[in-house]
Amino acid sequence: MALHGAHVVLACRNMRSAKNAINAIKREHAPADCEAMFVDLMSLKTVYNFACSYLSRNMYALQCHLFHVADELRAVLVHAIVWMCY
């Protein structure tokens, strides 16, 4: 998505890996607009903090792509994030 001009927020638990991913994206497409924000999906406090920080910046279009998460947990977390945003 960043390669096509979208602003991409990587919501990550491991910020070092997020930085490496952003660097890889920027090597492929230098003007890519990417940033990383911390969230640990095992902690609702960090999910809440992420949602509040995200919304405070007037970035309302949120698409959740959760990788390496079991399907059952993914559904619960997506609903939790959506409810925290309202």
Protein backbone atom coordinates (compact mmCIF):
# COMPACT_ATOMS: atom_id res chain seq x y z
CA MET A 1 0.00 0.00 0.00
CA ALA A 2 2.88 2.37 0.77
CA LEU A 3 4.25 1.72 -2.70
CA HIS A 4 1.01 3.15 -4.12
CA GLY A 5 1.02 6.38 -2.11
CA ALA A 6 -0.95 5.40 1.00
CA HIS A 7 0.20 6.46 4.47
CA VAL A 8 0.95 3.17 6.23
CA VAL A 9 1.09 2.68 9.99
CA LEU A 10 2.73 -0.55 11.11
CA ALA A 11 1.26 -1.46 14.49
CA CYS A 12 3.99 -3.63 15.96
CA ARG A 13 5.13 -5.19 19.19
CA ASN A 14 8.76 -5.35 18.06
CA MET A 15 9.82 -1.86 17.08
CA ARG A 16 13.21 -3.02 15.78
CA SER A 17 11.48 -5.33 13.31
CA ALA A 18 9.12 -2.51 12.37
CA LYS A 19 12.04 -0.20 11.65
CA ASN A 20 13.66 -2.90 9.49
CA ALA A 21 10.38 -3.34 7.58
CA ILE A 22 10.08 0.42 7.01
CA ASN A 23 13.68 0.59 5.80
CA ALA A 24 13.01 -2.27 3.36
CA ILE A 25 9.92 -0.49 2.02
CA LYS A 26 11.84 2.77 1.63
CA ARG A 27 14.69 0.98 -0.17
CA GLU A 28 12.15 -0.21 -2.71
CA HIS A 29 10.27 3.11 -2.93
CA ALA A 30 12.04 6.05 -1.27
CA PRO A 31 9.06 8.42 -1.02
CA ALA A 32 6.93 5.79 0.77
CA ASP A 33 5.08 7.28 3.75
CA CYS A 34 5.43 4.75 6.59
CA GLU A 35 5.64 4.88 10.35
CA ALA A 36 5.56 2.42 13.22
CA MET A 37 3.44 2.57 16.37
CA PHE A 38 3.79 0.24 19.33
CA VAL A 39 1.02 -2.19 20.25
CA ASP A 40 1.13 -5.55 22.00
CA LEU A 41 -2.08 -7.41 21.20
CA MET A 42 -1.76 -9.43 24.41
CA SER A 43 -2.26 -6.23 26.41
CA LEU A 44 -5.54 -4.37 26.08
CA LYS A 45 -3.86 -1.36 27.70
CA THR A 46 -1.43 -1.05 24.76
CA VAL A 47 -4.29 -1.65 22.30
CA TYR A 48 -6.22 1.18 23.97
CA ASN A 49 -3.16 3.46 23.96
CA PHE A 50 -2.58 2.70 20.28
CA ALA A 51 -6.22 3.43 19.40
CA CYS A 52 -6.20 6.73 21.33
CA SER A 53 -2.92 7.84 19.79
CA TYR A 54 -4.08 6.83 16.31
CA LEU A 55 -7.37 8.69 16.61
CA SER A 56 -5.77 11.78 18.15
CA ARG A 57 -3.92 12.24 14.87
CA ASN A 58 -7.18 12.26 12.85
CA MET A 59 -6.32 9.06 10.99
CA TYR A 60 -9.72 7.38 10.88
CA ALA A 61 -9.36 4.93 7.99
CA LEU A 62 -8.10 1.86 9.82
CA GLN A 63 -7.62 -1.47 8.10
CA CYS A 64 -6.54 -4.26 10.41
CA HIS A 65 -4.27 -6.92 9.02
CA LEU A 66 -3.19 -9.18 11.85
CA PHE A 67 -0.43 -11.59 10.96
CA HIS A 68 0.62 -14.59 13.06
CA VAL A 69 -2.55 -14.49 15.15
CA ALA A 70 -5.00 -17.39 15.49
CA ASP A 71 -8.34 -16.79 13.73
CA GLU A 72 -10.37 -16.84 16.95
CA LEU A 73 -8.11 -14.32 18.69
CA ARG A 74 -7.97 -12.16 15.56
CA ALA A 75 -11.77 -11.74 15.54
CA VAL A 76 -11.84 -10.77 19.23
CA LEU A 77 -8.98 -8.29 18.85
CA VAL A 78 -10.41 -6.59 15.78
CA HIS A 79 -13.73 -6.11 17.61
CA ALA A 80 -11.89 -4.79 20.69
CA ILE A 81 -9.94 -2.29 18.59
CA VAL A 82 -13.07 -1.11 16.80
CA TRP A 83 -14.99 -0.62 20.07
CA MET A 84 -12.06 1.22 21.65
CA CYS A 85 -12.05 3.61 18.71
CA TYR A 86 -15.61 4.81 19.43
